[in-house]
Every structure is written in structure tokens, then in C-alpha cells.
């Protein structure tokens, strides 16, 4: 698989994960870290002419991963508040 193809697949997976989280679905991120590592390691295989676009798309993937991390953190905080409200009441 080419680095470009793998980058496309991982970018699509991150987009789908964010959508699933927004819908309240469980998301399995197993393998994501190793896929990103493979893309980064294979970046040197990208031809000189394709490098600017590849770098731009790699930056976009990094931004998408940051958004996914923020989504996960936000869901974790929401779940923690729910557990506290369930345990101690909502103060009303």
C-alpha cells in the first residue's frame, strides 16, 4: 500500500470516528497510532513532486486527530459529570 493510500484510509477512518462519536456510538481506535506511524515513516518514499500535497494532507490529518482527541476528552468530561450527578444528585 502506498503512503498516499494509507493516508487516505486513515483520514477517512478519523472522519468516520468523529462522526460516530457525535452520534453516540462506540469507536474502536485500535491500530490508529501504528497506522499514523507507518505513514510518517513512509513519507520519505513519496516522490519529490507529490511531497507538497502529501505534507499538506499530513498536516490536515494531524489537525483531524487533534479534533478527535478533543471530542474524546469532551465526551469523557461529560460522562464524568453524569456519574457525579447520578452519585450526588444534580443539586436541585
N, C-alpha and C. Protein backbone atom coordinates (compact mmCIF):
# COMPACT_ATOMS: atom_id res chain seq x y z
N UNK A 1 0.86 -1.17 0.00
CA UNK A 1 0.00 0.00 0.00
C UNK A 1 0.90 1.24 0.00
N UNK A 2 0.56 2.20 -0.81
CA UNK A 2 1.37 3.42 -0.89
C UNK A 2 1.09 4.31 0.32
N UNK A 3 2.02 5.19 0.65
CA UNK A 3 1.77 6.13 1.74
C UNK A 3 0.52 6.98 1.48
N UNK A 4 0.30 7.37 0.22
CA UNK A 4 -0.87 8.17 -0.11
C UNK A 4 -2.17 7.42 0.16
N UNK A 5 -2.19 6.14 -0.22
CA UNK A 5 -3.38 5.31 0.01
C UNK A 5 -3.63 5.13 1.50
N UNK A 6 -2.58 4.86 2.24
CA UNK A 6 -2.74 4.69 3.68
C UNK A 6 -3.18 6.01 4.33
N UNK A 7 -2.65 7.11 3.87
CA UNK A 7 -3.06 8.42 4.38
C UNK A 7 -4.55 8.64 4.11
N UNK A 8 -5.01 8.30 2.92
CA UNK A 8 -6.44 8.41 2.60
C UNK A 8 -7.28 7.57 3.54
N UNK A 9 -6.86 6.33 3.77
CA UNK A 9 -7.63 5.43 4.63
C UNK A 9 -7.68 5.92 6.07
N UNK A 10 -6.56 6.39 6.59
CA UNK A 10 -6.53 6.86 7.97
C UNK A 10 -7.35 8.15 8.12
N UNK A 11 -7.24 9.03 7.14
CA UNK A 11 -8.03 10.26 7.19
C UNK A 11 -9.52 9.95 7.19
N UNK A 12 -9.93 9.01 6.35
CA UNK A 12 -11.33 8.59 6.31
C UNK A 12 -11.74 7.96 7.63
N UNK A 13 -10.89 7.14 8.21
CA UNK A 13 -11.20 6.49 9.48
C UNK A 13 -11.38 7.51 10.60
N UNK A 14 -10.54 8.54 10.62
CA UNK A 14 -10.65 9.58 11.65
C UNK A 14 -11.95 10.36 11.47
N UNK A 15 -12.29 10.68 10.24
CA UNK A 15 -13.55 11.39 9.96
C UNK A 15 -14.74 10.55 10.41
N UNK A 16 -14.71 9.27 10.09
CA UNK A 16 -15.81 8.37 10.49
C UNK A 16 -15.87 8.21 12.00
N UNK A 17 -14.72 8.18 12.66
CA UNK A 17 -14.70 8.07 14.12
C UNK A 17 -15.33 9.30 14.77
N UNK A 18 -15.01 10.48 14.24
CA UNK A 18 -15.60 11.70 14.80
C UNK A 18 -17.11 11.71 14.60
N UNK A 19 -17.56 11.26 13.45
CA UNK A 19 -18.99 11.21 13.17
C UNK A 19 -19.68 10.21 14.12
N UNK A 20 -19.07 9.05 14.30
CA UNK A 20 -19.65 8.04 15.19
C UNK A 20 -19.72 8.55 16.63
N UNK A 21 -18.67 9.21 17.09
CA UNK A 21 -18.69 9.77 18.45
C UNK A 21 -19.80 10.79 18.59
N UNK A 22 -19.98 11.62 17.59
CA UNK A 22 -21.03 12.64 17.64
C UNK A 22 -22.42 12.00 17.70
N UNK A 23 -22.54 10.81 17.13
CA UNK A 23 -23.81 10.09 17.15
C UNK A 23 -23.97 9.23 18.40
N UNK A 24 -22.95 9.23 19.26
CA UNK A 24 -23.01 8.46 20.49
C UNK A 24 -22.61 7.00 20.35
N UNK A 25 -21.99 6.66 19.25
CA UNK A 25 -21.57 5.28 19.01
C UNK A 25 -20.20 5.01 19.60
N UNK A 26 -19.94 3.75 19.85
CA UNK A 26 -18.63 3.30 20.32
C UNK A 26 -17.65 3.38 19.15
N UNK A 27 -16.43 3.79 19.42
CA UNK A 27 -15.41 3.90 18.38
C UNK A 27 -14.19 3.09 18.80
N UNK A 28 -13.75 2.22 17.91
CA UNK A 28 -12.56 1.41 18.16
C UNK A 28 -11.39 2.05 17.42
N UNK A 29 -10.44 2.57 18.16
CA UNK A 29 -9.29 3.25 17.56
C UNK A 29 -8.04 2.38 17.55
N UNK A 30 -8.22 1.08 17.78
CA UNK A 30 -7.07 0.17 17.77
C UNK A 30 -6.40 0.23 16.40
N UNK A 31 -5.12 0.36 16.41
CA UNK A 31 -4.36 0.38 15.18
C UNK A 31 -4.14 1.76 14.60
N UNK A 32 -4.84 2.75 15.11
CA UNK A 32 -4.70 4.10 14.55
C UNK A 32 -3.29 4.64 14.74
N UNK A 33 -2.76 4.49 15.94
CA UNK A 33 -1.42 5.01 16.23
C UNK A 33 -0.37 4.36 15.33
N UNK A 34 -0.45 3.04 15.15
CA UNK A 34 0.54 2.37 14.31
C UNK A 34 0.37 2.74 12.84
N UNK A 35 -0.87 2.98 12.39
CA UNK A 35 -1.09 3.40 11.01
C UNK A 35 -0.48 4.78 10.76
N UNK A 36 -0.65 5.69 11.70
CA UNK A 36 -0.06 7.02 11.56
C UNK A 36 1.46 6.92 11.57
N UNK A 37 2.00 6.07 12.42
CA UNK A 37 3.45 5.89 12.46
C UNK A 37 3.98 5.35 11.14
N UNK A 38 3.24 4.42 10.53
CA UNK A 38 3.66 3.88 9.23
C UNK A 38 3.64 4.97 8.15
N UNK A 39 2.63 5.81 8.18
CA UNK A 39 2.54 6.89 7.20
C UNK A 39 3.73 7.83 7.36
N UNK A 40 4.03 8.19 8.58
CA UNK A 40 5.15 9.10 8.83
C UNK A 40 6.47 8.48 8.40
N UNK A 41 6.64 7.20 8.69
CA UNK A 41 7.88 6.51 8.33
C UNK A 41 8.02 6.39 6.82
N UNK A 42 6.91 6.24 6.11
CA UNK A 42 6.94 6.05 4.67
C UNK A 42 6.94 7.37 3.90
N UNK A 43 6.86 8.48 4.59
CA UNK A 43 6.81 9.78 3.92
C UNK A 43 8.00 10.00 3.00
N UNK A 44 9.13 9.46 3.36
CA UNK A 44 10.33 9.64 2.52
C UNK A 44 10.20 8.92 1.18
N UNK A 45 9.26 7.98 1.06
CA UNK A 45 9.04 7.25 -0.19
C UNK A 45 8.22 8.06 -1.19
N UNK A 46 7.58 9.12 -0.73
CA UNK A 46 6.74 9.94 -1.60
C UNK A 46 7.66 10.69 -2.57
N UNK A 47 7.27 10.69 -3.84
CA UNK A 47 8.10 11.34 -4.85
C UNK A 47 8.20 12.84 -4.58
N UNK A 48 9.27 13.41 -5.07
CA UNK A 48 9.54 14.84 -4.84
C UNK A 48 8.35 15.69 -5.29
N UNK A 49 7.75 15.37 -6.41
CA UNK A 49 6.64 16.15 -6.93
C UNK A 49 5.37 16.05 -6.11
N UNK A 50 5.20 14.92 -5.41
CA UNK A 50 3.99 14.70 -4.60
C UNK A 50 4.15 15.19 -3.16
N UNK A 51 5.35 15.52 -2.78
CA UNK A 51 5.59 15.87 -1.37
C UNK A 51 4.81 17.07 -0.86
N UNK A 52 4.69 18.17 -1.62
CA UNK A 52 3.92 19.30 -1.08
C UNK A 52 2.47 18.93 -0.76
N UNK A 53 1.80 18.21 -1.66
CA UNK A 53 0.42 17.81 -1.40
C UNK A 53 0.36 16.81 -0.25
N UNK A 54 1.31 15.87 -0.22
CA UNK A 54 1.34 14.88 0.86
C UNK A 54 1.53 15.58 2.20
N UNK A 55 2.44 16.54 2.25
CA UNK A 55 2.68 17.27 3.50
C UNK A 55 1.43 18.04 3.93
N UNK A 56 0.75 18.63 2.97
CA UNK A 56 -0.49 19.36 3.27
C UNK A 56 -1.55 18.41 3.83
N UNK A 57 -1.68 17.25 3.23
CA UNK A 57 -2.67 16.28 3.68
C UNK A 57 -2.28 15.66 5.02
N UNK A 58 -0.98 15.51 5.26
CA UNK A 58 -0.50 15.02 6.54
C UNK A 58 -0.80 16.03 7.64
N UNK A 59 -0.65 17.30 7.34
CA UNK A 59 -0.99 18.36 8.30
C UNK A 59 -2.48 18.35 8.58
N UNK A 60 -3.29 18.15 7.55
CA UNK A 60 -4.75 18.07 7.74
C UNK A 60 -5.11 16.87 8.61
N UNK A 61 -4.40 15.76 8.44
CA UNK A 61 -4.64 14.59 9.29
C UNK A 61 -4.28 14.91 10.74
N UNK A 62 -3.18 15.60 10.96
CA UNK A 62 -2.80 15.97 12.33
C UNK A 62 -3.88 16.84 12.96
N UNK A 63 -4.42 17.78 12.18
CA UNK A 63 -5.50 18.63 12.69
C UNK A 63 -6.74 17.80 13.02
N UNK A 64 -7.07 16.85 12.16
CA UNK A 64 -8.23 15.98 12.40
C UNK A 64 -8.02 15.12 13.64
N UNK A 65 -6.80 14.65 13.85
CA UNK A 65 -6.51 13.86 15.05
C UNK A 65 -6.64 14.73 16.31
N UNK A 66 -6.23 15.98 16.22
CA UNK A 66 -6.41 16.90 17.36
C UNK A 66 -7.89 17.08 17.67
N UNK A 67 -8.72 17.23 16.63
CA UNK A 67 -10.16 17.37 16.84
C UNK A 67 -10.76 16.10 17.43
N UNK A 68 -10.30 14.95 16.96
CA UNK A 68 -10.78 13.68 17.51
C UNK A 68 -10.41 13.57 18.99
N UNK A 69 -9.19 13.95 19.34
CA UNK A 69 -8.77 13.92 20.75
C UNK A 69 -9.64 14.85 21.59
N UNK A 70 -9.95 16.02 21.05
CA UNK A 70 -10.82 16.96 21.78
C UNK A 70 -12.22 16.39 21.95
N UNK A 71 -12.73 15.74 20.91
CA UNK A 71 -14.06 15.10 21.00
C UNK A 71 -14.07 14.04 22.10
N UNK A 72 -13.03 13.23 22.14
CA UNK A 72 -12.95 12.17 23.14
C UNK A 72 -12.85 12.77 24.54
N UNK A 73 -12.04 13.80 24.70
CA UNK A 73 -11.90 14.45 26.01
C UNK A 73 -13.23 15.06 26.46
N UNK A 74 -13.93 15.68 25.53
CA UNK A 74 -15.22 16.29 25.85
C UNK A 74 -16.23 15.22 26.28
N UNK A 75 -16.24 14.09 25.59
CA UNK A 75 -17.15 13.01 25.97
C UNK A 75 -16.79 12.44 27.33
N UNK A 76 -15.49 12.35 27.61
CA UNK A 76 -15.06 11.86 28.92
C UNK A 76 -15.48 12.79 30.03
N UNK A 77 -15.37 14.09 29.80
CA UNK A 77 -15.79 15.06 30.82
C UNK A 77 -17.30 15.01 31.03
N UNK A 78 -18.04 14.85 29.94
CA UNK A 78 -19.50 14.75 30.05
C UNK A 78 -19.89 13.51 30.84
N UNK A 79 -19.24 12.41 30.55
CA UNK A 79 -19.54 11.16 31.27
C UNK A 79 -19.20 11.30 32.75
N UNK A 80 -18.11 11.96 33.06
CA UNK A 80 -17.72 12.16 34.45
C UNK A 80 -18.75 13.03 35.18
N UNK A 81 -19.23 14.09 34.54
CA UNK A 81 -20.26 14.93 35.15
C UNK A 81 -21.54 14.14 35.38
N UNK A 82 -21.90 13.28 34.43
CA UNK A 82 -23.10 12.45 34.59
C UNK A 82 -22.97 11.51 35.77
N UNK A 83 -21.79 10.89 35.90
CA UNK A 83 -21.57 9.97 37.02
C UNK A 83 -21.67 10.71 38.34
N UNK A 84 -21.12 11.90 38.39
CA UNK A 84 -21.17 12.69 39.63
C UNK A 84 -22.61 13.09 39.92
N UNK A 85 -23.34 13.51 38.92
CA UNK A 85 -24.75 13.90 39.13
C UNK A 85 -25.56 12.70 39.59
N UNK A 86 -25.30 11.53 39.01
CA UNK A 86 -26.01 10.33 39.41
C UNK A 86 -25.67 9.95 40.86
N UNK A 87 -24.42 10.13 41.23
CA UNK A 87 -23.98 9.75 42.57
C UNK A 87 -24.43 10.73 43.63
N UNK A 88 -24.39 12.02 43.32
CA UNK A 88 -24.65 13.04 44.33
C UNK A 88 -25.90 13.85 44.09
N UNK A 89 -26.57 13.59 43.02
CA UNK A 89 -27.75 14.36 42.68
C UNK A 89 -27.34 15.60 41.91
N UNK A 90 -28.30 16.26 41.31
CA UNK A 90 -27.98 17.42 40.49
C UNK A 90 -28.02 18.73 41.26
N UNK A 91 -28.18 18.66 42.53
CA UNK A 91 -28.17 19.86 43.37
C UNK A 91 -29.49 20.60 43.43
N UNK A 92 -30.51 20.07 42.77
CA UNK A 92 -31.82 20.74 42.75
C UNK A 92 -32.66 20.34 43.93
